[in-house]
Amino acid sequence: MPEKLYYKIGEVAGLFKVNTSLIRYWEQEFDFIRPKKSEKGTRYYKRKDIDNFQIVYHLIKEKGLTIQGAKDYLQNKKENKEISKLEVINTLKRTKSLLEEIKKNLEMRSRSIETSGEDI
């Protein structure tokens, strides 16, 4: 998925293959997941919100912690190298995606120049 400034709740739910109700619930439980809301109540999530959601998802869905267990785990975040690793991995994945998109655009431009006969 290309980088955007804001994602709607349905897009976030699609990324994690969960219901939007779970996202709203975790938003209530974890105060660091705070999307912007429009006047009509539409939620707009920044990349940081999605990264935070990914951390909660990892702790609850992949590690099997309870909500309280995840909260306790996150309170000890400074001692927690696993969360730092997850944040680094997310950053690397986004960087890779961005570089792949740049490469694709450069290849398309190169093909376009070749077919038009332009000199570079």
PDB file of N, CA and C in Angstrom:
ATOM      1  N   MET A   1       0.861  -1.181   0.000  1.00  0.00           N
ATOM      2  CA  MET A   1       0.000   0.000   0.000  1.00  0.00           C
ATOM      3  C   MET A   1       0.900   1.234   0.000  1.00  0.00           C
ATOM      4  N   PRO A   2       0.670   2.162  -0.936  1.00  0.00           N
ATOM      5  CA  PRO A   2       1.490   3.379  -0.953  1.00  0.00           C
ATOM      6  C   PRO A   2       1.254   4.207   0.309  1.00  0.00           C
ATOM      7  N   GLU A   3       2.296   4.947   0.687  1.00  0.00           N
ATOM      8  CA  GLU A   3       2.202   5.790   1.880  1.00  0.00           C
ATOM      9  C   GLU A   3       1.208   6.917   1.663  1.00  0.00           C
ATOM     10  N   LYS A   4       0.396   7.141   2.664  1.00  0.00           N
ATOM     11  CA  LYS A   4      -0.558   8.238   2.672  1.00  0.00           C
ATOM     12  C   LYS A   4      -0.398   8.954   4.004  1.00  0.00           C
ATOM     13  N   LEU A   5      -0.916  10.162   4.086  1.00  0.00           N
ATOM     14  CA  LEU A   5      -0.879  10.868   5.359  1.00  0.00           C
ATOM     15  C   LEU A   5      -1.887  10.297   6.338  1.00  0.00           C
ATOM     16  N   TYR A   6      -3.066   9.978   5.832  1.00  0.00           N
ATOM     17  CA  TYR A   6      -4.137   9.476   6.689  1.00  0.00           C
ATOM     18  C   TYR A   6      -4.801   8.265   6.058  1.00  0.00           C
ATOM     19  N   TYR A   7      -5.234   7.348   6.928  1.00  0.00           N
ATOM     20  CA  TYR A   7      -5.944   6.150   6.506  1.00  0.00           C
ATOM     21  C   TYR A   7      -7.273   6.102   7.244  1.00  0.00           C
ATOM     22  N   LYS A   8      -8.313   5.663   6.557  1.00  0.00           N
ATOM     23  CA  LYS A   8      -9.613   5.499   7.207  1.00  0.00           C
ATOM     24  C   LYS A   8      -9.631   4.163   7.943  1.00  0.00           C
ATOM     25  N   ILE A   9     -10.584   4.033   8.846  1.00  0.00           N
ATOM     26  CA  ILE A   9     -10.648   2.849   9.701  1.00  0.00           C
ATOM     27  C   ILE A   9     -10.785   1.558   8.883  1.00  0.00           C
ATOM     28  N   GLY A  10     -11.513   1.597   7.792  1.00  0.00           N
ATOM     29  CA  GLY A  10     -11.660   0.408   6.955  1.00  0.00           C
ATOM     30  C   GLY A  10     -10.340  -0.033   6.336  1.00  0.00           C
ATOM     31  N   GLU A  11      -9.510   0.948   5.970  1.00  0.00           N
ATOM     32  CA  GLU A  11      -8.195   0.623   5.414  1.00  0.00           C
ATOM     33  C   GLU A  11      -7.305  -0.016   6.477  1.00  0.00           C
ATOM     34  N   VAL A  12      -7.359   0.522   7.690  1.00  0.00           N
ATOM     35  CA  VAL A  12      -6.564  -0.032   8.785  1.00  0.00           C
ATOM     36  C   VAL A  12      -7.041  -1.447   9.105  1.00  0.00           C
ATOM     37  N   ALA A  13      -8.339  -1.631   9.152  1.00  0.00           N
ATOM     38  CA  ALA A  13      -8.897  -2.962   9.416  1.00  0.00           C
ATOM     39  C   ALA A  13      -8.446  -3.949   8.334  1.00  0.00           C
ATOM     40  N   GLY A  14      -8.433  -3.497   7.089  1.00  0.00           N
ATOM     41  CA  GLY A  14      -7.993  -4.351   5.989  1.00  0.00           C
ATOM     42  C   GLY A  14      -6.527  -4.739   6.107  1.00  0.00           C
ATOM     43  N   LEU A  15      -5.706  -3.829   6.568  1.00  0.00           N
ATOM     44  CA  LEU A  15      -4.276  -4.128   6.723  1.00  0.00           C
ATOM     45  C   LEU A  15      -4.043  -5.282   7.697  1.00  0.00           C
ATOM     46  N   PHE A  16      -4.871  -5.335   8.750  1.00  0.00           N
ATOM     47  CA  PHE A  16      -4.687  -6.339   9.802  1.00  0.00           C
ATOM     48  C   PHE A  16      -5.709  -7.477   9.726  1.00  0.00           C
ATOM     49  N   LYS A  17      -6.611  -7.380   8.763  1.00  0.00           N
ATOM     50  CA  LYS A  17      -7.653  -8.402   8.589  1.00  0.00           C
ATOM     51  C   LYS A  17      -8.461  -8.586   9.875  1.00  0.00           C
ATOM     52  N   VAL A  18      -8.914  -7.450  10.426  1.00  0.00           N
ATOM     53  CA  VAL A  18      -9.748  -7.457  11.627  1.00  0.00           C
ATOM     54  C   VAL A  18     -10.981  -6.594  11.366  1.00  0.00           C
ATOM     55  N   ASN A  19     -11.956  -6.693  12.254  1.00  0.00           N
ATOM     56  CA  ASN A  19     -13.149  -5.854  12.147  1.00  0.00           C
ATOM     57  C   ASN A  19     -12.844  -4.439  12.637  1.00  0.00           C
ATOM     58  N   THR A  20     -13.571  -3.484  12.102  1.00  0.00           N
ATOM     59  CA  THR A  20     -13.395  -2.097  12.537  1.00  0.00           C
ATOM     60  C   THR A  20     -13.753  -1.939  14.015  1.00  0.00           C
ATOM     61  N   SER A  21     -14.653  -2.781  14.509  1.00  0.00           N
ATOM     62  CA  SER A  21     -15.031  -2.687  15.929  1.00  0.00           C
ATOM     63  C   SER A  21     -13.837  -2.990  16.845  1.00  0.00           C
ATOM     64  N   LEU A  22     -12.950  -3.892  16.416  1.00  0.00           N
ATOM     65  CA  LEU A  22     -11.769  -4.196  17.214  1.00  0.00           C
ATOM     66  C   LEU A  22     -10.841  -2.975  17.263  1.00  0.00           C
ATOM     67  N   ILE A  23     -10.719  -2.296  16.160  1.00  0.00           N
ATOM     68  CA  ILE A  23      -9.873  -1.099  16.128  1.00  0.00           C
ATOM     69  C   ILE A  23     -10.441  -0.036  17.068  1.00  0.00           C
ATOM     70  N   ARG A  24     -11.750   0.173  17.006  1.00  0.00           N
ATOM     71  CA  ARG A  24     -12.377   1.156  17.905  1.00  0.00           C
ATOM     72  C   ARG A  24     -12.201   0.740  19.368  1.00  0.00           C
ATOM     73  N   TYR A  25     -12.328  -0.544  19.655  1.00  0.00           N
ATOM     74  CA  TYR A  25     -12.172  -1.038  21.026  1.00  0.00           C
ATOM     75  C   TYR A  25     -10.746  -0.810  21.530  1.00  0.00           C
ATOM     76  N   TRP A  26      -9.760  -1.202  20.730  1.00  0.00           N
ATOM     77  CA  TRP A  26      -8.372  -1.014  21.158  1.00  0.00           C
ATOM     78  C   TRP A  26      -8.027   0.472  21.274  1.00  0.00           C
ATOM     79  N   GLU A  27      -8.664   1.275  20.463  1.00  0.00           N
ATOM     80  CA  GLU A  27      -8.477   2.730  20.555  1.00  0.00           C
ATOM     81  C   GLU A  27      -8.920   3.231  21.938  1.00  0.00           C
ATOM     82  N   GLN A  28      -9.987   2.654  22.467  1.00  0.00           N
ATOM     83  CA  GLN A  28     -10.464   3.024  23.812  1.00  0.00           C
ATOM     84  C   GLN A  28      -9.529   2.508  24.893  1.00  0.00           C
ATOM     85  N   GLU A  29      -8.968   1.337  24.678  1.00  0.00           N
ATOM     86  CA  GLU A  29      -8.130   0.685  25.688  1.00  0.00           C
ATOM     87  C   GLU A  29      -6.700   1.225  25.740  1.00  0.00           C
ATOM     88  N   PHE A  30      -6.180   1.655  24.603  1.00  0.00           N
ATOM     89  CA  PHE A  30      -4.792   2.097  24.520  1.00  0.00           C
ATOM     90  C   PHE A  30      -4.765   3.563  24.089  1.00  0.00           C
ATOM     91  N   ASP A  31      -4.388   4.425  25.020  1.00  0.00           N
ATOM     92  CA  ASP A  31      -4.481   5.861  24.765  1.00  0.00           C
ATOM     93  C   ASP A  31      -3.473   6.395  23.754  1.00  0.00           C
ATOM     94  N   PHE A  32      -2.536   5.582  23.315  1.00  0.00           N
ATOM     95  CA  PHE A  32      -1.579   6.045  22.316  1.00  0.00           C
ATOM     96  C   PHE A  32      -2.052   5.783  20.886  1.00  0.00           C
ATOM     97  N   ILE A  33      -3.201   5.161  20.732  1.00  0.00           N
ATOM     98  CA  ILE A  33      -3.827   5.033  19.410  1.00  0.00           C
ATOM     99  C   ILE A  33      -4.910   6.097  19.362  1.00  0.00           C
ATOM    100  N   ARG A  34      -4.599   7.223  18.769  1.00  0.00           N
ATOM    101  CA  ARG A  34      -5.502   8.374  18.770  1.00  0.00           C
ATOM    102  C   ARG A  34      -5.645   8.966  17.375  1.00  0.00           C
ATOM    103  N   PRO A  35      -6.607   8.463  16.600  1.00  0.00           N
ATOM    104  CA  PRO A  35      -6.807   9.045  15.271  1.00  0.00           C
ATOM    105  C   PRO A  35      -7.460  10.421  15.367  1.00  0.00           C
ATOM    106  N   LYS A  36      -7.267  11.191  14.319  1.00  0.00           N
ATOM    107  CA  LYS A  36      -8.003  12.451  14.218  1.00  0.00           C
ATOM    108  C   LYS A  36      -9.428  12.093  13.828  1.00  0.00           C
ATOM    109  N   LYS A  37     -10.380  12.913  14.237  1.00  0.00           N
ATOM    110  CA  LYS A  37     -11.773  12.666  13.874  1.00  0.00           C
ATOM    111  C   LYS A  37     -12.335  13.908  13.208  1.00  0.00           C
ATOM    112  N   SER A  38     -13.105  13.672  12.147  1.00  0.00           N
ATOM    113  CA  SER A  38     -13.763  14.777  11.466  1.00  0.00           C
ATOM    114  C   SER A  38     -14.987  15.195  12.278  1.00  0.00           C
ATOM    115  N   GLU A  39     -15.632  16.256  11.842  1.00  0.00           N
ATOM    116  CA  GLU A  39     -16.843  16.713  12.530  1.00  0.00           C
ATOM    117  C   GLU A  39     -17.918  15.624  12.534  1.00  0.00           C
ATOM    118  N   LYS A  40     -17.919  14.801  11.488  1.00  0.00           N
ATOM    119  CA  LYS A  40     -18.907  13.721  11.391  1.00  0.00           C
ATOM    120  C   LYS A  40     -18.472  12.470  12.154  1.00  0.00           C
ATOM    121  N   GLY A  41     -17.260  12.503  12.723  1.00  0.00           N
ATOM    122  CA  GLY A  41     -16.785  11.356  13.495  1.00  0.00           C
ATOM    123  C   GLY A  41     -15.952  10.357  12.708  1.00  0.00           C
ATOM    124  N   THR A  42     -15.656  10.666  11.449  1.00  0.00           N
ATOM    125  CA  THR A  42     -14.811   9.774  10.652  1.00  0.00           C
ATOM    126  C   THR A  42     -13.406   9.796  11.221  1.00  0.00           C
ATOM    127  N   ARG A  43     -12.854   8.605  11.440  1.00  0.00           N
ATOM    128  CA  ARG A  43     -11.509   8.490  12.004  1.00  0.00           C
ATOM    129  C   ARG A  43     -10.471   8.521  10.887  1.00  0.00           C
ATOM    130  N   TYR A  44      -9.384   9.262  11.134  1.00  0.00           N
ATOM    131  CA  TYR A  44      -8.264   9.328  10.203  1.00  0.00           C
ATOM    132  C   TYR A  44      -6.994   8.978  10.971  1.00  0.00           C
ATOM    133  N   TYR A  45      -6.395   7.853  10.605  1.00  0.00           N
ATOM    134  CA  TYR A  45      -5.225   7.341  11.302  1.00  0.00           C
ATOM    135  C   TYR A  45      -3.951   7.752  10.578  1.00  0.00           C
ATOM    136  N   LYS A  46      -2.978   8.236  11.357  1.00  0.00           N
ATOM    137  CA  LYS A  46      -1.652   8.532  10.823  1.00  0.00           C
ATOM    138  C   LYS A  46      -0.850   7.237  10.830  1.00  0.00           C
ATOM    139  N   ARG A  47       0.284   7.267  10.132  1.00  0.00           N
ATOM    140  CA  ARG A  47       1.163   6.098  10.097  1.00  0.00           C
ATOM    141  C   ARG A  47       1.578   5.679  11.512  1.00  0.00           C
ATOM    142  N   LYS A  48       1.818   6.639  12.394  1.00  0.00           N
ATOM    143  CA  LYS A  48       2.218   6.326  13.769  1.00  0.00           C
ATOM    144  C   LYS A  48       1.104   5.570  14.500  1.00  0.00           C
ATOM    145  N   ASP A  49      -0.156   5.942  14.244  1.00  0.00           N
ATOM    146  CA  ASP A  49      -1.273   5.214  14.848  1.00  0.00           C
ATOM    147  C   ASP A  49      -1.283   3.764  14.376  1.00  0.00           C
ATOM    148  N   ILE A  50      -1.011   3.572  13.088  1.00  0.00           N
ATOM    149  CA  ILE A  50      -0.994   2.213  12.530  1.00  0.00           C
ATOM    150  C   ILE A  50       0.170   1.419  13.122  1.00  0.00           C
ATOM    151  N   ASP A  51       1.323   2.068  13.270  1.00  0.00           N
ATOM    152  CA  ASP A  51       2.459   1.393  13.908  1.00  0.00           C
ATOM    153  C   ASP A  51       2.115   0.990  15.338  1.00  0.00           C
ATOM    154  N   ASN A  52       1.454   1.890  16.068  1.00  0.00           N
ATOM    155  CA  ASN A  52       1.039   1.580  17.440  1.00  0.00           C
ATOM    156  C   ASN A  52       0.023   0.445  17.460  1.00  0.00           C
ATOM    157  N   PHE A  53      -0.899   0.466  16.514  1.00  0.00           N
ATOM    158  CA  PHE A  53      -1.883  -0.614  16.415  1.00  0.00           C
ATOM    159  C   PHE A  53      -1.165  -1.936  16.137  1.00  0.00           C
ATOM    160  N   GLN A  54      -0.141  -1.889  15.293  1.00  0.00           N
ATOM    161  CA  GLN A  54       0.615  -3.103  14.974  1.00  0.00           C
ATOM    162  C   GLN A  54       1.271  -3.681  16.230  1.00  0.00           C
ATOM    163  N   ILE A  55       1.778  -2.817  17.090  1.00  0.00           N
ATOM    164  CA  ILE A  55       2.395  -3.275  18.332  1.00  0.00           C
ATOM    165  C   ILE A  55       1.355  -3.973  19.205  1.00  0.00           C
ATOM    166  N   VAL A  56       0.190  -3.359  19.357  1.00  0.00           N
ATOM    167  CA  VAL A  56      -0.884  -3.959  20.152  1.00  0.00           C
ATOM    168  C   VAL A  56      -1.326  -5.276  19.510  1.00  0.00           C
ATOM    169  N   TYR A  57      -1.480  -5.279  18.196  1.00  0.00           N
ATOM    170  CA  TYR A  57      -1.871  -6.486  17.467  1.00  0.00           C
ATOM    171  C   TYR A  57      -0.862  -7.609  17.744  1.00  0.00           C
ATOM    172  N   HIS A  58       0.409  -7.284  17.659  1.00  0.00           N
ATOM    173  CA  HIS A  58       1.459  -8.282  17.900  1.00  0.00           C
ATOM    174  C   HIS A  58       1.358  -8.856  19.314  1.00  0.00           C
ATOM    175  N   LEU A  59       1.196  -7.974  20.284  1.00  0.00           N
ATOM    176  CA  LEU A  59       1.155  -8.436  21.669  1.00  0.00           C
ATOM    177  C   LEU A  59      -0.075  -9.290  21.963  1.00  0.00           C
ATOM    178  N   ILE A  60      -1.231  -8.896  21.435  1.00  0.00           N
ATOM    179  CA  ILE A  60      -2.473  -9.596  21.765  1.00  0.00           C
ATOM    180  C   ILE A  60      -2.732 -10.782  20.840  1.00  0.00           C
ATOM    181  N   LYS A  61      -2.660 -10.552  19.550  1.00  0.00           N
ATOM    182  CA  LYS A  61      -3.014 -11.610  18.594  1.00  0.00           C
ATOM    183  C   LYS A  61      -1.881 -12.607  18.349  1.00  0.00           C
ATOM    184  N   GLU A  62      -0.646 -12.112  18.323  1.00  0.00           N
ATOM    185  CA  GLU A  62       0.454 -13.014  18.005  1.00  0.00           C
ATOM    186  C   GLU A  62       1.112 -13.613  19.250  1.00  0.00           C
ATOM    187  N   LYS A  63       1.264 -12.808  20.305  1.00  0.00           N
ATOM    188  CA  LYS A  63       1.883 -13.324  21.542  1.00  0.00           C
ATOM    189  C   LYS A  63       0.847 -13.889  22.507  1.00  0.00           C
ATOM    190  N   GLY A  64      -0.427 -13.546  22.306  1.00  0.00           N
ATOM    191  CA  GLY A  64      -1.485 -14.107  23.129  1.00  0.00           C
ATOM    192  C   GLY A  64      -1.685 -13.426  24.474  1.00  0.00           C
ATOM    193  N   LEU A  65      -1.206 -12.183  24.612  1.00  0.00           N
ATOM    194  CA  LEU A  65      -1.407 -11.471  25.874  1.00  0.00           C
ATOM    195  C   LEU A  65      -2.848 -10.975  25.992  1.00  0.00           C
ATOM    196  N   THR A  66      -3.289 -10.760  27.206  1.00  0.00           N
ATOM    197  CA  THR A  66      -4.581 -10.122  27.439  1.00  0.00           C
ATOM    198  C   THR A  66      -4.402  -8.616  27.250  1.00  0.00           C
ATOM    199  N   ILE A  67      -5.520  -7.884  27.269  1.00  0.00           N
ATOM    200  CA  ILE A  67      -5.453  -6.424  27.176  1.00  0.00           C
ATOM    201  C   ILE A  67      -4.583  -5.890  28.325  1.00  0.00           C
ATOM    202  N   GLN A  68      -4.857  -6.345  29.548  1.00  0.00           N
ATOM    203  CA  GLN A  68      -4.078  -5.873  30.694  1.00  0.00           C
ATOM    204  C   GLN A  68      -2.624  -6.304  30.572  1.00  0.00           C
ATOM    205  N   GLY A  69      -2.391  -7.505  30.085  1.00  0.00           N
ATOM    206  CA  GLY A  69      -1.028  -7.985  29.890  1.00  0.00           C
ATOM    207  C   GLY A  69      -0.267  -7.115  28.899  1.00  0.00           C
ATOM    208  N   ALA A  70      -0.952  -6.718  27.821  1.00  0.00           N
ATOM    209  CA  ALA A  70      -0.334  -5.844  26.823  1.00  0.00           C
ATOM    210  C   ALA A  70      -0.042  -4.472  27.425  1.00  0.00           C
ATOM    211  N   LYS A  71      -0.972  -3.956  28.233  1.00  0.00           N
ATOM    212  CA  LYS A  71      -0.751  -2.659  28.881  1.00  0.00           C
ATOM    213  C   LYS A  71       0.464  -2.715  29.805  1.00  0.00           C
ATOM    214  N   ASP A  72       0.539  -3.776  30.597  1.00  0.00           N
ATOM    215  CA  ASP A  72       1.678  -3.939  31.509  1.00  0.00           C
ATOM    216  C   ASP A  72       2.986  -4.058  30.719  1.00  0.00           C
ATOM    217  N   TYR A  73       2.938  -4.825  29.666  1.00  0.00           N
ATOM    218  CA  TYR A  73       4.112  -5.038  28.823  1.00  0.00           C
ATOM    219  C   TYR A  73       4.600  -3.715  28.246  1.00  0.00           C
ATOM    220  N   LEU A  74       3.660  -2.893  27.792  1.00  0.00           N
ATOM    221  CA  LEU A  74       4.012  -1.606  27.187  1.00  0.00           C
ATOM    222  C   LEU A  74       4.523  -0.603  28.222  1.00  0.00           C
ATOM    223  N   GLN A  75       4.082  -0.725  29.461  1.00  0.00           N
ATOM    224  CA  GLN A  75       4.579   0.180  30.495  1.00  0.00           C
ATOM    225  C   GLN A  75       6.061  -0.047  30.753  1.00  0.00           C
ATOM    226  N   ASN A  76       6.511  -1.240  30.499  1.00  0.00           N
ATOM    227  CA  ASN A  76       7.929  -1.576  30.666  1.00  0.00           C
ATOM    228  C   ASN A  76       8.669  -1.494  29.327  1.00  0.00           C
ATOM    229  N   LYS A  77       8.168  -0.662  28.436  1.00  0.00           N
ATOM    230  CA  LYS A  77       8.684  -0.579  27.072  1.00  0.00           C
ATOM    231  C   LYS A  77      10.174  -0.254  27.022  1.00  0.00           C
ATOM    232  N   LYS A  78      10.662   0.558  27.923  1.00  0.00           N
ATOM    233  CA  LYS A  78      12.076   0.932  27.889  1.00  0.00           C
ATOM    234  C   LYS A  78      12.968  -0.298  28.012  1.00  0.00           C
ATOM    235  N   GLU A  79      12.494  -1.266  28.756  1.00  0.00           N
ATOM    236  CA  GLU A  79      13.264  -2.493  28.939  1.00  0.00           C
ATOM    237  C   GLU A  79      12.947  -3.505  27.838  1.00  0.00           C
ATOM    238  N   ASN A  80      12.044  -3.151  26.971  1.00  0.00           N
ATOM    239  CA  ASN A  80      11.489  -4.091  26.033  1.00  0.00           C
ATOM    240  C   ASN A  80      12.123  -3.972  24.651  1.00  0.00           C
ATOM    241  N   LYS A  81      13.065  -4.821  24.353  1.00  0.00           N
ATOM    242  CA  LYS A  81      13.757  -4.770  23.064  1.00  0.00           C
ATOM    243  C   LYS A  81      12.876  -5.278  21.932  1.00  0.00           C
ATOM    244  N   GLU A  82      11.934  -6.136  22.234  1.00  0.00           N
ATOM    245  CA  GLU A  82      11.082  -6.711  21.194  1.00  0.00           C
ATOM    246  C   GLU A  82      10.251  -5.636  20.497  1.00  0.00           C
ATOM    247  N   ILE A  83       9.701  -4.704  21.262  1.00  0.00           N
ATOM    248  CA  ILE A  83       8.903  -3.627  20.678  1.00  0.00           C
ATOM    249  C   ILE A  83       9.791  -2.753  19.805  1.00  0.00           C
ATOM    250  N   SER A  84      10.987  -2.459  20.258  1.00  0.00           N
ATOM    251  CA  SER A  84      11.919  -1.655  19.463  1.00  0.00           C
ATOM    252  C   SER A  84      12.234  -2.350  18.152  1.00  0.00           C
ATOM    253  N   LYS A  85      12.434  -3.658  18.195  1.00  0.00           N
ATOM    254  CA  LYS A  85      12.697  -4.415  16.974  1.00  0.00           C
ATOM    255  C   LYS A  85      11.514  -4.307  16.023  1.00  0.00           C
ATOM    256  N   LEU A  86      10.301  -4.415  16.542  1.00  0.00           N
ATOM    257  CA  LEU A  86       9.100  -4.324  15.718  1.00  0.00           C
ATOM    258  C   LEU A  86       9.001  -2.951  15.072  1.00  0.00           C
ATOM    259  N   GLU A  87       9.332  -1.906  15.814  1.00  0.00           N
ATOM    260  CA  GLU A  87       9.305  -0.553  15.253  1.00  0.00           C
ATOM    261  C   GLU A  87      10.333  -0.408  14.135  1.00  0.00           C
ATOM    262  N   VAL A  88      11.516  -0.972  14.322  1.00  0.00           N
ATOM    263  CA  VAL A  88      12.561  -0.915  13.290  1.00  0.00           C
ATOM    264  C   VAL A  88      12.111  -1.691  12.053  1.00  0.00           C
ATOM    265  N   ILE A  89      11.538  -2.869  12.255  1.00  0.00           N
ATOM    266  CA  ILE A  89      11.063  -3.678  11.129  1.00  0.00           C
ATOM    267  C   ILE A  89       9.999  -2.921  10.344  1.00  0.00           C
ATOM    268  N   ASN A  90       9.065  -2.279  11.034  1.00  0.00           N
ATOM    269  CA  ASN A  90       8.029  -1.497  10.344  1.00  0.00           C
ATOM    270  C   ASN A  90       8.641  -0.374   9.520  1.00  0.00           C
ATOM    271  N   THR A  91       9.618   0.314  10.070  1.00  0.00           N
ATOM    272  CA  THR A  91      10.285   1.398   9.343  1.00  0.00           C
ATOM    273  C   THR A  91      10.999   0.852   8.116  1.00  0.00           C
ATOM    274  N   LEU A  92      11.674  -0.278   8.258  1.00  0.00           N
ATOM    275  CA  LEU A  92      12.372  -0.880   7.126  1.00  0.00           C
ATOM    276  C   LEU A  92      11.405  -1.332   6.036  1.00  0.00           C
ATOM    277  N   LYS A  93      10.264  -1.882   6.430  1.00  0.00           N
ATOM    278  CA  LYS A  93       9.258  -2.303   5.440  1.00  0.00           C
ATOM    279  C   LYS A  93       8.738  -1.104   4.657  1.00  0.00           C
ATOM    280  N   ARG A  94       8.472   0.013   5.361  1.00  0.00           N
ATOM    281  CA  ARG A  94       7.986   1.217   4.677  1.00  0.00           C
ATOM    282  C   ARG A  94       9.053   1.773   3.736  1.00  0.00           C
ATOM    283  N   THR A  95      10.307   1.744   4.175  1.00  0.00           N
ATOM    284  CA  THR A  95      11.410   2.226   3.339  1.00  0.00           C
ATOM    285  C   THR A  95      11.541   1.356   2.097  1.00  0.00           C
ATOM    286  N   LYS A  96      11.447   0.051   2.273  1.00  0.00           N
ATOM    287  CA  LYS A  96      11.535  -0.867   1.137  1.00  0.00           C
ATOM    288  C   LYS A  96      10.403  -0.594   0.148  1.00  0.00           C
ATOM    289  N   SER A  97       9.204  -0.418   0.655  1.00  0.00           N
ATOM    290  CA  SER A  97       8.046  -0.142  -0.199  1.00  0.00           C
ATOM    291  C   SER A  97       8.243   1.156  -0.982  1.00  0.00           C
ATOM    292  N   LEU A  98       8.736   2.178  -0.312  1.00  0.00           N
ATOM    293  CA  LEU A  98       8.988   3.455  -0.970  1.00  0.00           C
ATOM    294  C   LEU A  98      10.047   3.305  -2.060  1.00  0.00           C
ATOM    295  N   LEU A  99      11.134   2.592  -1.769  1.00  0.00           N
ATOM    296  CA  LEU A  99      12.189   2.381  -2.755  1.00  0.00           C
ATOM    297  C   LEU A  99      11.695   1.567  -3.945  1.00  0.00           C
ATOM    298  N   GLU A 100      10.853   0.566  -3.695  1.00  0.00           N
ATOM    299  CA  GLU A 100      10.289  -0.218  -4.795  1.00  0.00           C
ATOM    300  C   GLU A 100       9.410   0.643  -5.691  1.00  0.00           C
ATOM    301  N   GLU A 101       8.658   1.537  -5.086  1.00  0.00           N
ATOM    302  CA  GLU A 101       7.809   2.436  -5.868  1.00  0.00           C
ATOM    303  C   GLU A 101       8.657   3.393  -6.705  1.00  0.00           C
ATOM    304  N   ILE A 102       9.736   3.914  -6.137  1.00  0.00           N
ATOM    305  CA  ILE A 102      10.645   4.794  -6.879  1.00  0.00           C
ATOM    306  C   ILE A 102      11.268   4.030  -8.048  1.00  0.00           C
ATOM    307  N   LYS A 103      11.705   2.810  -7.788  1.00  0.00           N
ATOM    308  CA  LYS A 103      12.302   1.976  -8.842  1.00  0.00           C
ATOM    309  C   LYS A 103      11.308   1.747  -9.973  1.00  0.00           C
ATOM    310  N   LYS A 104      10.072   1.422  -9.617  1.00  0.00           N
ATOM    311  CA  LYS A 104       9.033   1.190 -10.623  1.00  0.00           C
ATOM    312  C   LYS A 104       8.813   2.440 -11.473  1.00  0.00           C
ATOM    313  N   ASN A 105       8.752   3.597 -10.819  1.00  0.00           N
ATOM    314  CA  ASN A 105       8.558   4.848 -11.556  1.00  0.00           C
ATOM    315  C   ASN A 105       9.727   5.148 -12.476  1.00  0.00           C
ATOM    316  N   LEU A 106      10.952   4.884 -12.007  1.00  0.00           N
ATOM    317  CA  LEU A 106      12.129   5.105 -12.843  1.00  0.00           C
ATOM    318  C   LEU A 106      12.146   4.162 -14.045  1.00  0.00           C
ATOM    319  N   GLU A 107      11.761   2.912 -13.823  1.00  0.00           N
ATOM    320  CA  GLU A 107      11.707   1.952 -14.925  1.00  0.00           C
ATOM    321  C   GLU A 107      10.666   2.359 -15.959  1.00  0.00           C
ATOM    322  N   MET A 108       9.518   2.827 -15.483  1.00  0.00           N
ATOM    323  CA  MET A 108       8.467   3.284 -16.413  1.00  0.00           C
ATOM    324  C   MET A 108       8.955   4.488 -17.207  1.00  0.00           C
ATOM    325  N   ARG A 109       9.628   5.403 -16.545  1.00  0.00           N
ATOM    326  CA  ARG A 109      10.163   6.594 -17.221  1.00  0.00           C
ATOM    327  C   ARG A 109      11.204   6.198 -18.249  1.00  0.00           C
ATOM    328  N   SER A 110      12.068   5.255 -17.890  1.00  0.00           N
ATOM    329  CA  SER A 110      13.106   4.781 -18.800  1.00  0.00           C
ATOM    330  C   SER A 110      12.492   4.130 -20.041  1.00  0.00           C
ATOM    331  N   ARG A 111      11.471   3.289 -19.849  1.00  0.00           N
ATOM    332  CA  ARG A 111      10.782   2.655 -20.986  1.00  0.00           C
ATOM    333  C   ARG A 111      10.110   3.693 -21.865  1.00  0.00           C
ATOM    334  N   SER A 112       9.532   4.697 -21.229  1.00  0.00           N
ATOM    335  CA  SER A 112       8.865   5.761 -21.967  1.00  0.00           C
ATOM    336  C   SER A 112       9.857   6.523 -22.834  1.00  0.00           C
ATOM    337  N   ILE A 113      11.028   6.791 -22.297  1.00  0.00           N
ATOM    338  CA  ILE A 113      12.066   7.507 -23.050  1.00  0.00           C
ATOM    339  C   ILE A 113      12.575   6.645 -24.193  1.00  0.00           C
ATOM    340  N   GLU A 114      12.762   5.341 -23.942  1.00  0.00           N
ATOM    341  CA  GLU A 114      13.246   4.428 -24.987  1.00  0.00           C
ATOM    342  C   GLU A 114      12.276   4.343 -26.152  1.00  0.00           C
ATOM    343  N   THR A 115      10.990   4.253 -25.858  1.00  0.00           N
ATOM    344  CA  THR A 115       9.995   4.128 -26.927  1.00  0.00           C
ATOM    345  C   THR A 115       9.772   5.439 -27.679  1.00  0.00           C
ATOM    346  N   SER A 116      10.028   6.558 -27.042  1.00  0.00           N
ATOM    347  CA  SER A 116       9.846   7.838 -27.712  1.00  0.00           C
ATOM    348  C   SER A 116      11.095   8.249 -28.484  1.00  0.00           C
ATOM    349  N   GLY A 117      12.227   7.563 -28.203  1.00  0.00           N
ATOM    350  CA  GLY A 117      13.460   7.878 -28.897  1.00  0.00           C
ATOM    351  C   GLY A 117      14.188   9.099 -28.364  1.00  0.00           C
ATOM    352  N   GLU A 118      13.768   9.587 -27.210  1.00  0.00           N
ATOM    353  CA  GLU A 118      14.425  10.740 -26.592  1.00  0.00           C
ATOM    354  C   GLU A 118      15.829  10.373 -26.154  1.00  0.00           C
ATOM    355  N   ASP A 119      16.714  11.339 -26.157  1.00  0.00           N
ATOM    356  CA  ASP A 119      18.027  11.154 -25.562  1.00  0.00           C
ATOM    357  C   ASP A 119      17.943  11.473 -24.087  1.00  0.00           C
ATOM    358  N   ILE A 120      18.662  10.729 -23.301  1.00  0.00           N
ATOM    359  CA  ILE A 120      18.646  10.964 -21.858  1.00  0.00           C
ATOM    360  C   ILE A 120      19.581  12.080 -21.503  1.00  0.00           C
TER     361      ILE A 120
END
